[in-house]
Amino acid sequence: FYGRVDVIHASAFVYFHKKGIVQE
């Protein structure tokens, strides 16, 4: 989001991979 919108914090918990655990 740098240079696009001013945010204090940004994060995600897990990675999303195609055909992976998180996608399911």
PDB file of all heavy atoms in Angstrom:
ATOM      1  N   PHE A   1       0.809  -1.224   0.000  1.00  0.00           N
ATOM      2  CA  PHE A   1       0.000   0.000   0.000  1.00  0.00           C
ATOM      3  C   PHE A   1       0.843   1.275   0.000  1.00  0.00           C
ATOM      4  O   PHE A   1       0.295   2.371  -0.037  1.00  0.00           O
ATOM      5  CB  PHE A   1      -0.941  -0.004   1.217  1.00  0.00           C
ATOM      6  CG  PHE A   1      -1.904  -1.145   1.201  1.00  0.00           C
ATOM      7  CD1 PHE A   1      -1.674  -2.286   1.958  1.00  0.00           C
ATOM      8  CD2 PHE A   1      -3.032  -1.112   0.392  1.00  0.00           C
ATOM      9  CE1 PHE A   1      -2.551  -3.361   1.925  1.00  0.00           C
ATOM     10  CE2 PHE A   1      -3.906  -2.175   0.341  1.00  0.00           C
ATOM     11  CZ  PHE A   1      -3.665  -3.306   1.114  1.00  0.00           C
ATOM     12  N   TYR A   2       2.162   1.112   0.021  1.00  0.00           N
ATOM     13  CA  TYR A   2       3.043   2.277   0.051  1.00  0.00           C
ATOM     14  C   TYR A   2       2.840   3.131  -1.206  1.00  0.00           C
ATOM     15  O   TYR A   2       2.872   2.625  -2.327  1.00  0.00           O
ATOM     16  CB  TYR A   2       4.508   1.839   0.140  1.00  0.00           C
ATOM     17  CG  TYR A   2       5.478   2.990   0.218  1.00  0.00           C
ATOM     18  CD1 TYR A   2       5.676   3.677   1.409  1.00  0.00           C
ATOM     19  CD2 TYR A   2       6.175   3.406  -0.912  1.00  0.00           C
ATOM     20  CE1 TYR A   2       6.557   4.747   1.491  1.00  0.00           C
ATOM     21  CE2 TYR A   2       7.059   4.475  -0.857  1.00  0.00           C
ATOM     22  CZ  TYR A   2       7.244   5.140   0.349  1.00  0.00           C
ATOM     23  OH  TYR A   2       8.107   6.209   0.415  1.00  0.00           O
ATOM     24  N   GLY A   3       2.615   4.418  -1.004  1.00  0.00           N
ATOM     25  CA  GLY A   3       2.390   5.336  -2.121  1.00  0.00           C
ATOM     26  C   GLY A   3       0.987   5.297  -2.686  1.00  0.00           C
ATOM     27  O   GLY A   3       0.657   6.088  -3.585  1.00  0.00           O
ATOM     28  N   ARG A   4       0.144   4.406  -2.182  1.00  0.00           N
ATOM     29  CA  ARG A   4      -1.227   4.283  -2.679  1.00  0.00           C
ATOM     30  C   ARG A   4      -2.229   4.839  -1.665  1.00  0.00           C
ATOM     31  O   ARG A   4      -3.170   5.539  -2.028  1.00  0.00           O
ATOM     32  CB  ARG A   4      -1.547   2.812  -2.967  1.00  0.00           C
ATOM     33  CG  ARG A   4      -0.678   2.204  -4.053  1.00  0.00           C
ATOM     34  CD  ARG A   4      -0.788   0.687  -4.090  1.00  0.00           C
ATOM     35  NE  ARG A   4      -2.121   0.226  -4.427  1.00  0.00           N
ATOM     36  CZ  ARG A   4      -2.456  -1.057  -4.531  1.00  0.00           C
ATOM     37  NH1 ARG A   4      -1.541  -1.997  -4.320  1.00  0.00           N
ATOM     38  NH2 ARG A   4      -3.689  -1.406  -4.830  1.00  0.00           N
ATOM     39  N   VAL A   5      -2.030   4.493  -0.407  1.00  0.00           N
ATOM     40  CA  VAL A   5      -2.902   4.986   0.653  1.00  0.00           C
ATOM     41  C   VAL A   5      -2.108   4.928   1.958  1.00  0.00           C
ATOM     42  O   VAL A   5      -1.287   4.034   2.165  1.00  0.00           O
ATOM     43  CB  VAL A   5      -4.202   4.145   0.750  1.00  0.00           C
ATOM     44  CG1 VAL A   5      -3.911   2.708   1.129  1.00  0.00           C
ATOM     45  CG2 VAL A   5      -5.190   4.772   1.701  1.00  0.00           C
ATOM     46  N   ASP A   6      -2.334   5.897   2.815  1.00  0.00           N
ATOM     47  CA  ASP A   6      -1.584   5.993   4.066  1.00  0.00           C
ATOM     48  C   ASP A   6      -2.204   5.069   5.114  1.00  0.00           C
ATOM     49  O   ASP A   6      -3.333   5.281   5.542  1.00  0.00           O
ATOM     50  CB  ASP A   6      -1.603   7.443   4.562  1.00  0.00           C
ATOM     51  CG  ASP A   6      -0.700   7.651   5.767  1.00  0.00           C
ATOM     52  OD1 ASP A   6       0.210   6.831   5.966  1.00  0.00           O
ATOM     53  OD2 ASP A   6      -0.922   8.626   6.504  1.00  0.00           O
ATOM     54  N   VAL A   7      -1.470   4.040   5.507  1.00  0.00           N
ATOM     55  CA  VAL A   7      -1.953   3.127   6.535  1.00  0.00           C
ATOM     56  C   VAL A   7      -0.953   3.072   7.690  1.00  0.00           C
ATOM     57  O   VAL A   7       0.252   3.204   7.489  1.00  0.00           O
ATOM     58  CB  VAL A   7      -2.204   1.704   5.989  1.00  0.00           C
ATOM     59  CG1 VAL A   7      -3.280   1.723   4.917  1.00  0.00           C
ATOM     60  CG2 VAL A   7      -0.923   1.081   5.462  1.00  0.00           C
ATOM     61  N   ILE A   8      -1.467   2.879   8.893  1.00  0.00           N
ATOM     62  CA  ILE A   8      -0.622   2.768  10.075  1.00  0.00           C
ATOM     63  C   ILE A   8       0.047   1.397  10.129  1.00  0.00           C
ATOM     64  O   ILE A   8       1.231   1.280  10.445  1.00  0.00           O
ATOM     65  CB  ILE A   8      -1.458   2.986  11.355  1.00  0.00           C
ATOM     66  CG1 ILE A   8      -2.201   4.327  11.309  1.00  0.00           C
ATOM     67  CG2 ILE A   8      -0.578   2.887  12.605  1.00  0.00           C
ATOM     68  CD1 ILE A   8      -1.313   5.542  11.233  1.00  0.00           C
ATOM     69  N   HIS A   9      -0.724   0.379   9.811  1.00  0.00           N
ATOM     70  CA  HIS A   9      -0.241  -1.001   9.862  1.00  0.00           C
ATOM     71  C   HIS A   9      -0.976  -1.812   8.801  1.00  0.00           C
ATOM     72  O   HIS A   9      -2.136  -1.547   8.501  1.00  0.00           O
ATOM     73  CB  HIS A   9      -0.513  -1.603  11.246  1.00  0.00           C
ATOM     74  CG  HIS A   9      -0.356  -3.096  11.292  1.00  0.00           C
ATOM     75  ND1 HIS A   9       0.855  -3.709  11.546  1.00  0.00           N
ATOM     76  CD2 HIS A   9      -1.262  -4.114  11.102  1.00  0.00           C
ATOM     77  CE1 HIS A   9       0.691  -5.018  11.516  1.00  0.00           C
ATOM     78  NE2 HIS A   9      -0.567  -5.296  11.245  1.00  0.00           N
ATOM     79  N   ALA A  10      -0.294  -2.800   8.246  1.00  0.00           N
ATOM     80  CA  ALA A  10      -0.951  -3.757   7.343  1.00  0.00           C
ATOM     81  C   ALA A  10      -0.276  -5.112   7.510  1.00  0.00           C
ATOM     82  O   ALA A  10       0.959  -5.191   7.606  1.00  0.00           O
ATOM     83  CB  ALA A  10      -0.877  -3.304   5.894  1.00  0.00           C
ATOM     84  N   SER A  11      -1.075  -6.153   7.567  1.00  0.00           N
ATOM     85  CA  SER A  11      -0.514  -7.501   7.686  1.00  0.00           C
ATOM     86  C   SER A  11      -1.556  -8.542   7.324  1.00  0.00           C
ATOM     87  O   SER A  11      -2.757  -8.269   7.308  1.00  0.00           O
ATOM     88  CB  SER A  11      -0.009  -7.760   9.116  1.00  0.00           C
ATOM     89  OG  SER A  11      -1.079  -7.811  10.037  1.00  0.00           O
ATOM     90  N   ALA A  12      -1.077  -9.735   7.042  1.00  0.00           N
ATOM     91  CA  ALA A  12      -1.938 -10.895   6.832  1.00  0.00           C
ATOM     92  C   ALA A  12      -1.384 -12.032   7.674  1.00  0.00           C
ATOM     93  O   ALA A  12      -0.189 -12.069   7.985  1.00  0.00           O
ATOM     94  CB  ALA A  12      -1.986 -11.285   5.365  1.00  0.00           C
ATOM     95  N   PHE A  13      -2.236 -12.967   8.024  1.00  0.00           N
ATOM     96  CA  PHE A  13      -1.839 -14.050   8.921  1.00  0.00           C
ATOM     97  C   PHE A  13      -1.108 -15.170   8.201  1.00  0.00           C
ATOM     98  O   PHE A  13      -0.069 -15.652   8.646  1.00  0.00           O
ATOM     99  CB  PHE A  13      -3.080 -14.587   9.626  1.00  0.00           C
ATOM    100  CG  PHE A  13      -2.811 -15.668  10.634  1.00  0.00           C
ATOM    101  CD1 PHE A  13      -1.718 -15.614  11.477  1.00  0.00           C
ATOM    102  CD2 PHE A  13      -3.662 -16.761  10.735  1.00  0.00           C
ATOM    103  CE1 PHE A  13      -1.465 -16.617  12.413  1.00  0.00           C
ATOM    104  CE2 PHE A  13      -3.429 -17.763  11.663  1.00  0.00           C
ATOM    105  CZ  PHE A  13      -2.330 -17.688  12.503  1.00  0.00           C
ATOM    106  N   VAL A  14      -1.663 -15.623   7.061  1.00  0.00           N
ATOM    107  CA  VAL A  14      -1.100 -16.771   6.357  1.00  0.00           C
ATOM    108  C   VAL A  14      -0.980 -16.470   4.864  1.00  0.00           C
ATOM    109  O   VAL A  14      -1.584 -15.529   4.359  1.00  0.00           O
ATOM    110  CB  VAL A  14      -1.967 -18.038   6.557  1.00  0.00           C
ATOM    111  CG1 VAL A  14      -1.962 -18.457   8.015  1.00  0.00           C
ATOM    112  CG2 VAL A  14      -3.410 -17.798   6.085  1.00  0.00           C
ATOM    113  N   TYR A  15      -0.185 -17.296   4.169  1.00  0.00           N
ATOM    114  CA  TYR A  15      -0.048 -17.161   2.720  1.00  0.00           C
ATOM    115  C   TYR A  15      -1.099 -18.005   2.006  1.00  0.00           C
ATOM    116  O   TYR A  15      -1.431 -19.114   2.434  1.00  0.00           O
ATOM    117  CB  TYR A  15       1.333 -17.614   2.256  1.00  0.00           C
ATOM    118  CG  TYR A  15       2.443 -16.638   2.548  1.00  0.00           C
ATOM    119  CD1 TYR A  15       3.490 -16.980   3.399  1.00  0.00           C
ATOM    120  CD2 TYR A  15       2.456 -15.378   1.966  1.00  0.00           C
ATOM    121  CE1 TYR A  15       4.522 -16.086   3.670  1.00  0.00           C
ATOM    122  CE2 TYR A  15       3.469 -14.474   2.224  1.00  0.00           C
ATOM    123  CZ  TYR A  15       4.496 -14.839   3.073  1.00  0.00           C
ATOM    124  OH  TYR A  15       5.513 -13.955   3.343  1.00  0.00           O
ATOM    125  N   PHE A  16      -1.588 -17.459   0.903  1.00  0.00           N
ATOM    126  CA  PHE A  16      -2.582 -18.123   0.071  1.00  0.00           C
ATOM    127  C   PHE A  16      -1.885 -18.656  -1.174  1.00  0.00           C
ATOM    128  O   PHE A  16      -1.355 -17.885  -1.968  1.00  0.00           O
ATOM    129  CB  PHE A  16      -3.675 -17.110  -0.311  1.00  0.00           C
ATOM    130  CG  PHE A  16      -4.802 -17.661  -1.140  1.00  0.00           C
ATOM    131  CD1 PHE A  16      -6.029 -17.934  -0.559  1.00  0.00           C
ATOM    132  CD2 PHE A  16      -4.653 -17.877  -2.505  1.00  0.00           C
ATOM    133  CE1 PHE A  16      -7.092 -18.418  -1.314  1.00  0.00           C
ATOM    134  CE2 PHE A  16      -5.703 -18.368  -3.272  1.00  0.00           C
ATOM    135  CZ  PHE A  16      -6.923 -18.644  -2.672  1.00  0.00           C
ATOM    136  N   HIS A  17      -1.846 -19.976  -1.309  1.00  0.00           N
ATOM    137  CA  HIS A  17      -1.277 -20.607  -2.500  1.00  0.00           C
ATOM    138  C   HIS A  17      -2.377 -21.363  -3.242  1.00  0.00           C
ATOM    139  O   HIS A  17      -3.246 -21.966  -2.613  1.00  0.00           O
ATOM    140  CB  HIS A  17      -0.178 -21.608  -2.134  1.00  0.00           C
ATOM    141  CG  HIS A  17       0.966 -21.007  -1.392  1.00  0.00           C
ATOM    142  ND1 HIS A  17       1.370 -21.447  -0.150  1.00  0.00           N
ATOM    143  CD2 HIS A  17       1.803 -19.997  -1.725  1.00  0.00           C
ATOM    144  CE1 HIS A  17       2.405 -20.741   0.252  1.00  0.00           C
ATOM    145  NE2 HIS A  17       2.684 -19.850  -0.671  1.00  0.00           N
ATOM    146  N   LYS A  18      -2.338 -21.340  -4.552  1.00  0.00           N
ATOM    147  CA  LYS A  18      -3.310 -22.101  -5.331  1.00  0.00           C
ATOM    148  C   LYS A  18      -3.179 -23.583  -5.011  1.00  0.00           C
ATOM    149  O   LYS A  18      -2.081 -24.128  -4.957  1.00  0.00           O
ATOM    150  CB  LYS A  18      -3.097 -21.860  -6.832  1.00  0.00           C
ATOM    151  CG  LYS A  18      -3.529 -20.472  -7.282  1.00  0.00           C
ATOM    152  CD  LYS A  18      -3.433 -20.318  -8.785  1.00  0.00           C
ATOM    153  CE  LYS A  18      -3.931 -18.944  -9.225  1.00  0.00           C
ATOM    154  NZ  LYS A  18      -3.856 -18.766 -10.696  1.00  0.00           N
ATOM    155  N   LYS A  19      -4.325 -24.214  -4.765  1.00  0.00           N
ATOM    156  CA  LYS A  19      -4.430 -25.638  -4.446  1.00  0.00           C
ATOM    157  C   LYS A  19      -3.752 -25.985  -3.116  1.00  0.00           C
ATOM    158  O   LYS A  19      -3.429 -27.153  -2.870  1.00  0.00           O
ATOM    159  CB  LYS A  19      -3.860 -26.495  -5.586  1.00  0.00           C
ATOM    160  CG  LYS A  19      -4.592 -26.316  -6.904  1.00  0.00           C
ATOM    161  CD  LYS A  19      -4.045 -27.227  -7.988  1.00  0.00           C
ATOM    162  CE  LYS A  19      -4.808 -27.035  -9.302  1.00  0.00           C
ATOM    163  NZ  LYS A  19      -4.282 -27.908 -10.381  1.00  0.00           N
ATOM    164  N   GLY A  20      -3.564 -24.981  -2.257  1.00  0.00           N
ATOM    165  CA  GLY A  20      -2.939 -25.223  -0.974  1.00  0.00           C
ATOM    166  C   GLY A  20      -3.956 -25.293   0.154  1.00  0.00           C
ATOM    167  O   GLY A  20      -5.169 -25.172  -0.060  1.00  0.00           O
ATOM    168  N   ILE A  21      -3.451 -25.479   1.372  1.00  0.00           N
ATOM    169  CA  ILE A  21      -4.295 -25.584   2.555  1.00  0.00           C
ATOM    170  C   ILE A  21      -5.159 -24.342   2.730  1.00  0.00           C
ATOM    171  O   ILE A  21      -6.371 -24.421   2.966  1.00  0.00           O
ATOM    172  CB  ILE A  21      -3.422 -25.790   3.812  1.00  0.00           C
ATOM    173  CG1 ILE A  21      -2.684 -27.122   3.757  1.00  0.00           C
ATOM    174  CG2 ILE A  21      -4.278 -25.722   5.082  1.00  0.00           C
ATOM    175  CD1 ILE A  21      -1.619 -27.260   4.837  1.00  0.00           C
ATOM    176  N   VAL A  22      -4.534 -23.179   2.605  1.00  0.00           N
ATOM    177  CA  VAL A  22      -5.254 -21.931   2.868  1.00  0.00           C
ATOM    178  C   VAL A  22      -6.331 -21.682   1.819  1.00  0.00           C
ATOM    179  O   VAL A  22      -7.422 -21.208   2.141  1.00  0.00           O
ATOM    180  CB  VAL A  22      -4.276 -20.746   2.948  1.00  0.00           C
ATOM    181  CG1 VAL A  22      -5.023 -19.425   3.095  1.00  0.00           C
ATOM    182  CG2 VAL A  22      -3.324 -20.937   4.136  1.00  0.00           C
ATOM    183  N   GLN A  23      -6.048 -22.000   0.560  1.00  0.00           N
ATOM    184  CA  GLN A  23      -7.084 -21.840  -0.463  1.00  0.00           C
ATOM    185  C   GLN A  23      -8.310 -22.675  -0.126  1.00  0.00           C
ATOM    186  O   GLN A  23      -9.445 -22.200  -0.231  1.00  0.00           O
ATOM    187  CB  GLN A  23      -6.573 -22.237  -1.839  1.00  0.00           C
ATOM    188  CG  GLN A  23      -7.636 -22.007  -2.928  1.00  0.00           C
ATOM    189  CD  GLN A  23      -7.216 -22.522  -4.294  1.00  0.00           C
ATOM    190  OE1 GLN A  23      -6.875 -23.682  -4.437  1.00  0.00           O
ATOM    191  NE2 GLN A  23      -7.248 -21.650  -5.281  1.00  0.00           N
ATOM    192  N   GLU A  24      -8.093 -23.906   0.304  1.00  0.00           N
ATOM    193  CA  GLU A  24      -9.210 -24.773   0.661  1.00  0.00           C
ATOM    194  C   GLU A  24      -9.966 -24.209   1.864  1.00  0.00           C
ATOM    195  O   GLU A  24     -11.204 -24.226   1.907  1.00  0.00           O
ATOM    196  CB  GLU A  24      -8.705 -26.178   0.963  1.00  0.00           C
ATOM    197  CG  GLU A  24      -9.812 -27.205   1.190  1.00  0.00           C
ATOM    198  CD  GLU A  24     -10.638 -27.478  -0.052  1.00  0.00           C
ATOM    199  OE1 GLU A  24     -10.193 -27.155  -1.177  1.00  0.00           O
ATOM    200  OE2 GLU A  24     -11.750 -28.031   0.099  1.00  0.00           O
TER     201      GLU A  24
END
